[in-house]
Amino acid sequence: MTESHLAHQIARTLRHERDRAGLTQQALAARAGLSQAAIARIERGDRLPGLTTVERLLAALDRQLRVEAEPLDSHLDAALDELAGTDPVERLDRLGLDRLVDALGDLPHVLAGSTAAVVQGAPIPVEAVEIAVRWRDSPSFTAFLSRALAQRWNARWEEWGGVRHEPEEPGEHRWRTRHGELRARMVEELPEPIEVRLGGRTYPVEPLVQVEVADRRAAELLRRHRHRLTAGAAGTAGAAGTADTADRTGGSAG
């Protein structure tokens, strides 16, 4: 990953978190003890800030920095190409989507994030069933987690268990249950869902436009997928134009 690419990733993350918090650049600057001009430069991706600065800005937004590794861009592109040829029903079946949805019972929820994108036909990676759940339904959600013998992801020790599984407790909203892995986005109100029928079943799903607002990682993958589709279409059109020109030239020569 180049320094420029990393700077733009940090820029997108900071803009997303600041927008989520409903703060202006000036308000964030006041909280973090930086100038508005410095934040503007970081959000434009003009420079790569130091880790201390990034941590200070995220702390001012009640967030913290988490470092993850991901495949190189070329490997990610290859994975997207491979997923484009797979059946989403089979992928979601391997994920255990129906088992988890059935186990959730009457708990109000909407499929969210990458899971919602895959249900709507987007060939992007998904590692767990992702849902949106209202905070006021947290007691019912906690009861489900208890029935499902859930273990919560312990980010400090990089293992499952050792932390309380109630959503109100600090930590990632990520659980391993006897029905499969589940990740939740706790919200005040559920996103307005659309109904998608897939594999003979209808699911309440967060629309793609909302996925791109609420889930930064899914949004990046969707943008990358669309960019590759656009580039591929342009390349096909260019090749067709070149062939047509060659045909006309060849005809004139004859």
C-alpha atoms as a PDB file:
ATOM      1  CA  MET A   1       0.000   0.000   0.000  1.00  0.00           C
ATOM      2  CA  THR A   2       1.430   3.365  -0.983  1.00  0.00           C
ATOM      3  CA  GLU A   3       1.569   6.345   1.370  1.00  0.00           C
ATOM      4  CA  SER A   4      -0.886   8.176  -0.902  1.00  0.00           C
ATOM      5  CA  HIS A   5      -3.393   5.297  -0.761  1.00  0.00           C
ATOM      6  CA  LEU A   6      -3.144   5.109   3.032  1.00  0.00           C
ATOM      7  CA  ALA A   7      -3.625   8.888   3.308  1.00  0.00           C
ATOM      8  CA  HIS A   8      -6.843   8.650   1.284  1.00  0.00           C
ATOM      9  CA  GLN A   9      -8.104   5.755   3.411  1.00  0.00           C
ATOM     10  CA  ILE A  10      -7.523   7.772   6.579  1.00  0.00           C
ATOM     11  CA  ALA A  11      -9.204  10.759   4.925  1.00  0.00           C
ATOM     12  CA  ARG A  12     -12.341   8.735   4.097  1.00  0.00           C
ATOM     13  CA  THR A  13     -12.454   7.227   7.581  1.00  0.00           C
ATOM     14  CA  LEU A  14     -12.129  10.588   9.314  1.00  0.00           C
ATOM     15  CA  ARG A  15     -14.797  12.219   7.122  1.00  0.00           C
ATOM     16  CA  HIS A  16     -17.141   9.291   7.740  1.00  0.00           C
ATOM     17  CA  GLU A  17     -16.697   9.364  11.520  1.00  0.00           C
ATOM     18  CA  ARG A  18     -16.989  13.153  11.697  1.00  0.00           C
ATOM     19  CA  ASP A  19     -20.191  13.065   9.628  1.00  0.00           C
ATOM     20  CA  ARG A  20     -21.517  10.249  11.811  1.00  0.00           C
ATOM     21  CA  ALA A  21     -20.911  12.409  14.884  1.00  0.00           C
ATOM     22  CA  GLY A  22     -22.584  15.413  13.224  1.00  0.00           C
ATOM     23  CA  LEU A  23     -19.544  17.664  13.705  1.00  0.00           C
ATOM     24  CA  THR A  24     -18.057  20.343  11.492  1.00  0.00           C
ATOM     25  CA  GLN A  25     -14.325  20.452  10.876  1.00  0.00           C
ATOM     26  CA  GLN A  26     -14.161  23.485  13.172  1.00  0.00           C
ATOM     27  CA  ALA A  27     -15.965  21.645  15.986  1.00  0.00           C
ATOM     28  CA  LEU A  28     -13.689  18.621  15.652  1.00  0.00           C
ATOM     29  CA  ALA A  29     -10.652  20.901  15.619  1.00  0.00           C
ATOM     30  CA  ALA A  30     -11.760  22.437  18.912  1.00  0.00           C
ATOM     31  CA  ARG A  31     -12.220  19.004  20.478  1.00  0.00           C
ATOM     32  CA  ALA A  32      -8.903  17.626  19.254  1.00  0.00           C
ATOM     33  CA  GLY A  33      -6.784  20.726  19.817  1.00  0.00           C
ATOM     34  CA  LEU A  34      -5.846  21.055  16.150  1.00  0.00           C
ATOM     35  CA  SER A  35      -6.501  23.710  13.555  1.00  0.00           C
ATOM     36  CA  GLN A  36      -9.417  23.458  11.136  1.00  0.00           C
ATOM     37  CA  ALA A  37      -6.926  23.854   8.283  1.00  0.00           C
ATOM     38  CA  ALA A  38      -4.977  20.783   9.472  1.00  0.00           C
ATOM     39  CA  ILE A  39      -8.140  18.671   9.567  1.00  0.00           C
ATOM     40  CA  ALA A  40      -9.125  19.914   6.108  1.00  0.00           C
ATOM     41  CA  ARG A  41      -5.732  18.826   4.715  1.00  0.00           C
ATOM     42  CA  ILE A  42      -6.059  15.382   6.308  1.00  0.00           C
ATOM     43  CA  GLU A  43      -9.615  14.909   5.008  1.00  0.00           C
ATOM     44  CA  ARG A  44      -8.513  15.863   1.495  1.00  0.00           C
ATOM     45  CA  GLY A  45      -5.787  13.236   1.678  1.00  0.00           C
ATOM     46  CA  ASP A  46      -3.134  15.897   1.048  1.00  0.00           C
ATOM     47  CA  ARG A  47      -0.823  14.456   3.672  1.00  0.00           C
ATOM     48  CA  LEU A  48      -0.409  11.330   5.738  1.00  0.00           C
ATOM     49  CA  PRO A  49      -0.854  12.267   9.417  1.00  0.00           C
ATOM     50  CA  GLY A  50       1.103  10.636  12.214  1.00  0.00           C
ATOM     51  CA  LEU A  51      -0.489   7.882  14.291  1.00  0.00           C
ATOM     52  CA  THR A  52      -0.642  10.154  17.338  1.00  0.00           C
ATOM     53  CA  THR A  53      -2.660  12.703  15.378  1.00  0.00           C
ATOM     54  CA  VAL A  54      -5.024  10.053  14.004  1.00  0.00           C
ATOM     55  CA  GLU A  55      -5.587   8.615  17.488  1.00  0.00           C
ATOM     56  CA  ARG A  56      -6.230  12.107  18.889  1.00  0.00           C
ATOM     57  CA  LEU A  57      -8.811  12.871  16.193  1.00  0.00           C
ATOM     58  CA  LEU A  58     -10.608   9.561  16.581  1.00  0.00           C
ATOM     59  CA  ALA A  59     -10.618   9.875  20.380  1.00  0.00           C
ATOM     60  CA  ALA A  60     -12.320  13.249  19.955  1.00  0.00           C
ATOM     61  CA  LEU A  61     -15.013  11.346  18.028  1.00  0.00           C
ATOM     62  CA  ASP A  62     -15.294   8.625  20.711  1.00  0.00           C
ATOM     63  CA  ARG A  63     -13.613   6.168  18.368  1.00  0.00           C
ATOM     64  CA  GLN A  64     -10.296   4.345  18.418  1.00  0.00           C
ATOM     65  CA  LEU A  65      -7.841   3.214  15.791  1.00  0.00           C
ATOM     66  CA  ARG A  66      -7.810  -0.451  14.817  1.00  0.00           C
ATOM     67  CA  VAL A  67      -5.154  -1.815  12.487  1.00  0.00           C
ATOM     68  CA  GLU A  68      -6.093  -4.657  10.140  1.00  0.00           C
ATOM     69  CA  ALA A  69      -4.321  -6.375   7.288  1.00  0.00           C
ATOM     70  CA  GLU A  70      -6.062  -7.022   3.988  1.00  0.00           C
ATOM     71  CA  PRO A  71      -5.076  -8.562   0.657  1.00  0.00           C
ATOM     72  CA  LEU A  72      -3.038  -6.505  -1.773  1.00  0.00           C
ATOM     73  CA  ASP A  73      -5.158  -4.595  -4.273  1.00  0.00           C
ATOM     74  CA  SER A  74      -4.358  -7.104  -7.010  1.00  0.00           C
ATOM     75  CA  HIS A  75      -5.426  -9.997  -4.760  1.00  0.00           C
ATOM     76  CA  LEU A  76      -8.603  -8.164  -3.763  1.00  0.00           C
ATOM     77  CA  ASP A  77      -9.434  -7.577  -7.427  1.00  0.00           C
ATOM     78  CA  ALA A  78      -8.915 -11.282  -8.117  1.00  0.00           C
ATOM     79  CA  ALA A  79     -11.232 -12.144  -5.210  1.00  0.00           C
ATOM     80  CA  LEU A  80     -13.929  -9.795  -6.546  1.00  0.00           C
ATOM     81  CA  ASP A  81     -13.601 -11.371  -9.986  1.00  0.00           C
ATOM     82  CA  GLU A  82     -13.938 -14.838  -8.491  1.00  0.00           C
ATOM     83  CA  LEU A  83     -16.975 -13.878  -6.414  1.00  0.00           C
ATOM     84  CA  ALA A  84     -18.652 -12.404  -9.496  1.00  0.00           C
ATOM     85  CA  GLY A  85     -19.025 -15.954 -10.807  1.00  0.00           C
ATOM     86  CA  THR A  86     -20.504 -17.471  -7.630  1.00  0.00           C
ATOM     87  CA  ASP A  87     -24.128 -18.065  -6.646  1.00  0.00           C
ATOM     88  CA  PRO A  88     -25.151 -15.700  -3.804  1.00  0.00           C
ATOM     89  CA  VAL A  89     -27.622 -18.291  -2.489  1.00  0.00           C
ATOM     90  CA  GLU A  90     -24.807 -20.800  -1.995  1.00  0.00           C
ATOM     91  CA  ARG A  91     -22.566 -18.195  -0.359  1.00  0.00           C
ATOM     92  CA  LEU A  92     -25.296 -17.142   2.075  1.00  0.00           C
ATOM     93  CA  ASP A  93     -26.115 -20.773   2.817  1.00  0.00           C
ATOM     94  CA  ARG A  94     -22.467 -21.421   3.770  1.00  0.00           C
ATOM     95  CA  LEU A  95     -22.665 -18.320   5.948  1.00  0.00           C
ATOM     96  CA  GLY A  96     -25.625 -19.819   7.821  1.00  0.00           C
ATOM     97  CA  LEU A  97     -27.934 -16.895   7.050  1.00  0.00           C
ATOM     98  CA  ASP A  98     -31.214 -18.792   7.289  1.00  0.00           C
ATOM     99  CA  ARG A  99     -30.171 -20.579  10.491  1.00  0.00           C
ATOM    100  CA  LEU A 100     -29.429 -17.265  12.159  1.00  0.00           C
ATOM    101  CA  VAL A 101     -32.524 -15.495  10.822  1.00  0.00           C
ATOM    102  CA  ASP A 102     -34.725 -18.355  12.054  1.00  0.00           C
ATOM    103  CA  ALA A 103     -33.005 -18.287  15.448  1.00  0.00           C
ATOM    104  CA  LEU A 104     -33.572 -14.525  15.783  1.00  0.00           C
ATOM    105  CA  GLY A 105     -37.296 -15.230  15.720  1.00  0.00           C
ATOM    106  CA  ASP A 106     -39.427 -12.141  16.341  1.00  0.00           C
ATOM    107  CA  LEU A 107     -36.479  -9.854  17.122  1.00  0.00           C
ATOM    108  CA  PRO A 108     -36.885  -6.785  14.866  1.00  0.00           C
ATOM    109  CA  HIS A 109     -33.852  -6.539  12.607  1.00  0.00           C
ATOM    110  CA  VAL A 110     -32.715  -5.667   9.095  1.00  0.00           C
ATOM    111  CA  LEU A 111     -29.930  -7.377   7.165  1.00  0.00           C
ATOM    112  CA  ALA A 112     -27.148  -4.826   6.877  1.00  0.00           C
ATOM    113  CA  GLY A 113     -23.633  -4.173   5.603  1.00  0.00           C
ATOM    114  CA  SER A 114     -21.935  -6.673   3.337  1.00  0.00           C
ATOM    115  CA  THR A 115     -24.647  -9.283   3.962  1.00  0.00           C
ATOM    116  CA  ALA A 116     -27.271  -6.884   2.622  1.00  0.00           C
ATOM    117  CA  ALA A 117     -25.061  -6.153  -0.386  1.00  0.00           C
ATOM    118  CA  VAL A 118     -24.643  -9.852  -1.209  1.00  0.00           C
ATOM    119  CA  VAL A 119     -28.401 -10.478  -0.895  1.00  0.00           C
ATOM    120  CA  GLN A 120     -28.839  -7.694  -3.466  1.00  0.00           C
ATOM    121  CA  GLY A 121     -26.388  -9.380  -5.833  1.00  0.00           C
ATOM    122  CA  ALA A 122     -23.114  -7.559  -5.109  1.00  0.00           C
ATOM    123  CA  PRO A 123     -20.118  -9.941  -5.435  1.00  0.00           C
ATOM    124  CA  ILE A 124     -18.182  -8.692  -2.404  1.00  0.00           C
ATOM    125  CA  PRO A 125     -16.617 -10.653   0.474  1.00  0.00           C
ATOM    126  CA  VAL A 126     -18.765 -11.329   3.539  1.00  0.00           C
ATOM    127  CA  GLU A 127     -17.505 -13.157   6.620  1.00  0.00           C
ATOM    128  CA  ALA A 128     -20.500 -13.078   8.967  1.00  0.00           C
ATOM    129  CA  VAL A 129     -24.213 -12.386   9.008  1.00  0.00           C
ATOM    130  CA  GLU A 130     -24.616  -8.648   9.615  1.00  0.00           C
ATOM    131  CA  ILE A 131     -27.793  -7.084  10.992  1.00  0.00           C
ATOM    132  CA  ALA A 132     -29.044  -3.766  12.330  1.00  0.00           C
ATOM    133  CA  VAL A 133     -30.792  -3.910  15.719  1.00  0.00           C
ATOM    134  CA  ARG A 134     -32.424  -1.106  17.710  1.00  0.00           C
ATOM    135  CA  TRP A 135     -30.960  -0.216  21.081  1.00  0.00           C
ATOM    136  CA  ARG A 136     -34.394  -0.501  22.695  1.00  0.00           C
ATOM    137  CA  ASP A 137     -34.519  -4.136  21.576  1.00  0.00           C
ATOM    138  CA  SER A 138     -31.212  -4.863  23.293  1.00  0.00           C
ATOM    139  CA  PRO A 139     -32.801  -6.961  26.116  1.00  0.00           C
ATOM    140  CA  SER A 140     -34.433  -9.266  23.530  1.00  0.00           C
ATOM    141  CA  PHE A 141     -31.190  -9.391  21.576  1.00  0.00           C
ATOM    142  CA  THR A 142     -29.252 -10.276  24.740  1.00  0.00           C
ATOM    143  CA  ALA A 143     -31.760 -13.063  25.471  1.00  0.00           C
ATOM    144  CA  PHE A 144     -31.164 -14.443  21.973  1.00  0.00           C
ATOM    145  CA  LEU A 145     -27.393 -14.323  22.511  1.00  0.00           C
ATOM    146  CA  SER A 146     -27.790 -16.283  25.743  1.00  0.00           C
ATOM    147  CA  ARG A 147     -29.936 -18.928  24.044  1.00  0.00           C
ATOM    148  CA  ALA A 148     -27.440 -19.149  21.191  1.00  0.00           C
ATOM    149  CA  LEU A 149     -24.538 -19.732  23.626  1.00  0.00           C
ATOM    150  CA  ALA A 150     -22.823 -16.686  22.163  1.00  0.00           C
ATOM    151  CA  GLN A 151     -19.203 -15.760  22.755  1.00  0.00           C
ATOM    152  CA  ARG A 152     -18.252 -12.156  22.097  1.00  0.00           C
ATOM    153  CA  TRP A 153     -15.102 -11.173  20.248  1.00  0.00           C
ATOM    154  CA  ASN A 154     -12.434  -9.971  22.659  1.00  0.00           C
ATOM    155  CA  ALA A 155     -10.444  -7.435  20.632  1.00  0.00           C
ATOM    156  CA  ARG A 156      -7.891  -6.962  23.407  1.00  0.00           C
ATOM    157  CA  TRP A 157      -6.848 -10.615  23.423  1.00  0.00           C
ATOM    158  CA  GLU A 158      -7.804 -11.388  19.811  1.00  0.00           C
ATOM    159  CA  GLU A 159      -9.977 -14.337  20.831  1.00  0.00           C
ATOM    160  CA  TRP A 160     -13.588 -15.300  21.500  1.00  0.00           C
ATOM    161  CA  GLY A 161     -14.939 -15.025  25.033  1.00  0.00           C
ATOM    162  CA  GLY A 162     -13.773 -13.437  28.232  1.00  0.00           C
ATOM    163  CA  VAL A 163     -16.060 -10.393  27.848  1.00  0.00           C
ATOM    164  CA  ARG A 164     -19.753  -9.873  28.589  1.00  0.00           C
ATOM    165  CA  HIS A 165     -21.946 -10.391  25.559  1.00  0.00           C
ATOM    166  CA  GLU A 166     -24.560  -7.677  26.241  1.00  0.00           C
ATOM    167  CA  PRO A 167     -24.453  -5.006  23.482  1.00  0.00           C
ATOM    168  CA  GLU A 168     -24.307  -2.242  26.105  1.00  0.00           C
ATOM    169  CA  GLU A 169     -20.953  -3.492  27.328  1.00  0.00           C
ATOM    170  CA  PRO A 170     -17.834  -1.961  25.691  1.00  0.00           C
ATOM    171  CA  GLY A 171     -16.403  -3.864  22.763  1.00  0.00           C
ATOM    172  CA  GLU A 172     -17.122  -4.879  19.206  1.00  0.00           C
ATOM    173  CA  HIS A 173     -20.646  -5.985  18.403  1.00  0.00           C
ATOM    174  CA  ARG A 174     -19.469  -9.312  17.087  1.00  0.00           C
ATOM    175  CA  TRP A 175     -20.465 -12.725  18.408  1.00  0.00           C
ATOM    176  CA  ARG A 176     -19.870 -16.376  17.607  1.00  0.00           C
ATOM    177  CA  THR A 177     -23.076 -18.357  18.166  1.00  0.00           C
ATOM    178  CA  ARG A 178     -24.079 -21.968  17.697  1.00  0.00           C
ATOM    179  CA  HIS A 179     -25.877 -20.815  14.526  1.00  0.00           C
ATOM    180  CA  GLY A 180     -22.887 -18.990  13.021  1.00  0.00           C
ATOM    181  CA  GLU A 181     -21.003 -15.729  13.375  1.00  0.00           C
ATOM    182  CA  LEU A 182     -23.139 -12.605  13.840  1.00  0.00           C
ATOM    183  CA  ARG A 183     -22.252  -8.922  13.707  1.00  0.00           C
ATOM    184  CA  ALA A 184     -24.672  -6.180  14.709  1.00  0.00           C
ATOM    185  CA  ARG A 185     -24.939  -2.458  14.189  1.00  0.00           C
ATOM    186  CA  MET A 186     -26.877  -1.014  17.101  1.00  0.00           C
ATOM    187  CA  VAL A 187     -29.070   1.896  15.995  1.00  0.00           C
ATOM    188  CA  GLU A 188     -31.759   4.179  17.379  1.00  0.00           C
ATOM    189  CA  GLU A 189     -34.079   3.314  14.502  1.00  0.00           C
ATOM    190  CA  LEU A 190     -33.853   0.545  11.923  1.00  0.00           C
ATOM    191  CA  PRO A 191     -33.049   1.635   8.373  1.00  0.00           C
ATOM    192  CA  GLU A 192     -36.093   1.583   6.097  1.00  0.00           C
ATOM    193  CA  PRO A 193     -35.750  -1.869   4.526  1.00  0.00           C
ATOM    194  CA  ILE A 194     -36.555  -3.192   1.113  1.00  0.00           C
ATOM    195  CA  GLU A 195     -37.766  -6.755   0.655  1.00  0.00           C
ATOM    196  CA  VAL A 196     -35.532  -8.964  -1.466  1.00  0.00           C
ATOM    197  CA  ARG A 197     -36.568 -12.454  -2.504  1.00  0.00           C
ATOM    198  CA  LEU A 198     -33.661 -14.841  -2.908  1.00  0.00           C
ATOM    199  CA  GLY A 199     -33.596 -18.630  -2.998  1.00  0.00           C
ATOM    200  CA  GLY A 200     -37.314 -18.873  -2.304  1.00  0.00           C
ATOM    201  CA  ARG A 201     -37.166 -16.639   0.786  1.00  0.00           C
ATOM    202  CA  THR A 202     -37.833 -12.942   1.384  1.00  0.00           C
ATOM    203  CA  TYR A 203     -35.469 -10.876   3.539  1.00  0.00           C
ATOM    204  CA  PRO A 204     -35.757  -7.345   5.011  1.00  0.00           C
ATOM    205  CA  VAL A 205     -32.617  -5.706   3.643  1.00  0.00           C
ATOM    206  CA  GLU A 206     -30.846  -2.382   4.050  1.00  0.00           C
ATOM    207  CA  PRO A 207     -30.783  -0.740   0.565  1.00  0.00           C
ATOM    208  CA  LEU A 208     -27.371  -0.451  -1.082  1.00  0.00           C
ATOM    209  CA  VAL A 209     -27.461   3.342  -0.943  1.00  0.00           C
ATOM    210  CA  GLN A 210     -27.826   3.128   2.846  1.00  0.00           C
ATOM    211  CA  VAL A 211     -25.146   0.426   3.111  1.00  0.00           C
ATOM    212  CA  GLU A 212     -22.692   2.824   1.498  1.00  0.00           C
ATOM    213  CA  VAL A 213     -23.519   5.485   4.083  1.00  0.00           C
ATOM    214  CA  ALA A 214     -23.443   3.266   7.156  1.00  0.00           C
ATOM    215  CA  ASP A 215     -20.713   0.698   6.417  1.00  0.00           C
ATOM    216  CA  ARG A 216     -17.372   2.129   5.313  1.00  0.00           C
ATOM    217  CA  ARG A 217     -15.764  -1.213   4.450  1.00  0.00           C
ATOM    218  CA  ALA A 218     -18.724  -2.420   2.397  1.00  0.00           C
ATOM    219  CA  ALA A 219     -18.863   0.984   0.682  1.00  0.00           C
ATOM    220  CA  GLU A 220     -15.201   0.708  -0.359  1.00  0.00           C
ATOM    221  CA  LEU A 221     -15.750  -2.781  -1.784  1.00  0.00           C
ATOM    222  CA  LEU A 222     -18.881  -1.706  -3.667  1.00  0.00           C
ATOM    223  CA  ARG A 223     -17.058   1.288  -5.156  1.00  0.00           C
ATOM    224  CA  ARG A 224     -14.178  -0.946  -6.173  1.00  0.00           C
ATOM    225  CA  HIS A 225     -16.554  -3.442  -7.794  1.00  0.00           C
ATOM    226  CA  ARG A 226     -18.370  -0.702  -9.743  1.00  0.00           C
ATOM    227  CA  HIS A 227     -15.078   0.854 -10.822  1.00  0.00           C
ATOM    228  CA  ARG A 228     -13.918  -2.497 -12.192  1.00  0.00           C
ATOM    229  CA  LEU A 229     -17.218  -2.950 -14.040  1.00  0.00           C
ATOM    230  CA  THR A 230     -16.883   0.525 -15.556  1.00  0.00           C
ATOM    231  CA  ALA A 231     -13.249  -0.023 -16.487  1.00  0.00           C
ATOM    232  CA  GLY A 232     -14.092  -3.395 -18.015  1.00  0.00           C
ATOM    233  CA  ALA A 233     -16.931  -1.921 -20.057  1.00  0.00           C
ATOM    234  CA  ALA A 234     -14.688   0.902 -21.256  1.00  0.00           C
ATOM    235  CA  GLY A 235     -11.989  -1.574 -22.196  1.00  0.00           C
ATOM    236  CA  THR A 236     -14.466  -3.714 -24.137  1.00  0.00           C
ATOM    237  CA  ALA A 237     -15.820  -0.657 -25.941  1.00  0.00           C
ATOM    238  CA  GLY A 238     -12.279   0.490 -26.759  1.00  0.00           C
ATOM    239  CA  ALA A 239     -11.343  -2.917 -28.108  1.00  0.00           C
ATOM    240  CA  ALA A 240     -14.483  -3.016 -30.235  1.00  0.00           C
ATOM    241  CA  GLY A 241     -13.725   0.460 -31.599  1.00  0.00           C
ATOM    242  CA  THR A 242     -10.167  -0.553 -32.461  1.00  0.00           C
ATOM    243  CA  ALA A 243     -11.383  -3.684 -34.232  1.00  0.00           C
ATOM    244  CA  ASP A 244     -13.955  -1.677 -36.165  1.00  0.00           C
ATOM    245  CA  THR A 245     -11.307   0.815 -37.244  1.00  0.00           C
ATOM    246  CA  ALA A 246      -9.021  -2.012 -38.312  1.00  0.00           C
ATOM    247  CA  ASP A 247     -11.839  -3.561 -40.337  1.00  0.00           C
ATOM    248  CA  ARG A 248     -12.526  -0.294 -42.126  1.00  0.00           C
ATOM    249  CA  THR A 249      -8.835   0.289 -42.768  1.00  0.00           C
ATOM    250  CA  GLY A 250      -8.423  -3.219 -44.072  1.00  0.00           C
ATOM    251  CA  GLY A 251     -11.418  -2.780 -46.345  1.00  0.00           C
ATOM    252  CA  SER A 252     -10.049   0.446 -47.821  1.00  0.00           C
ATOM    253  CA  ALA A 253      -6.694  -1.173 -48.435  1.00  0.00           C
ATOM    254  CA  GLY A 254      -8.354  -3.954 -50.303  1.00  0.00           C
END
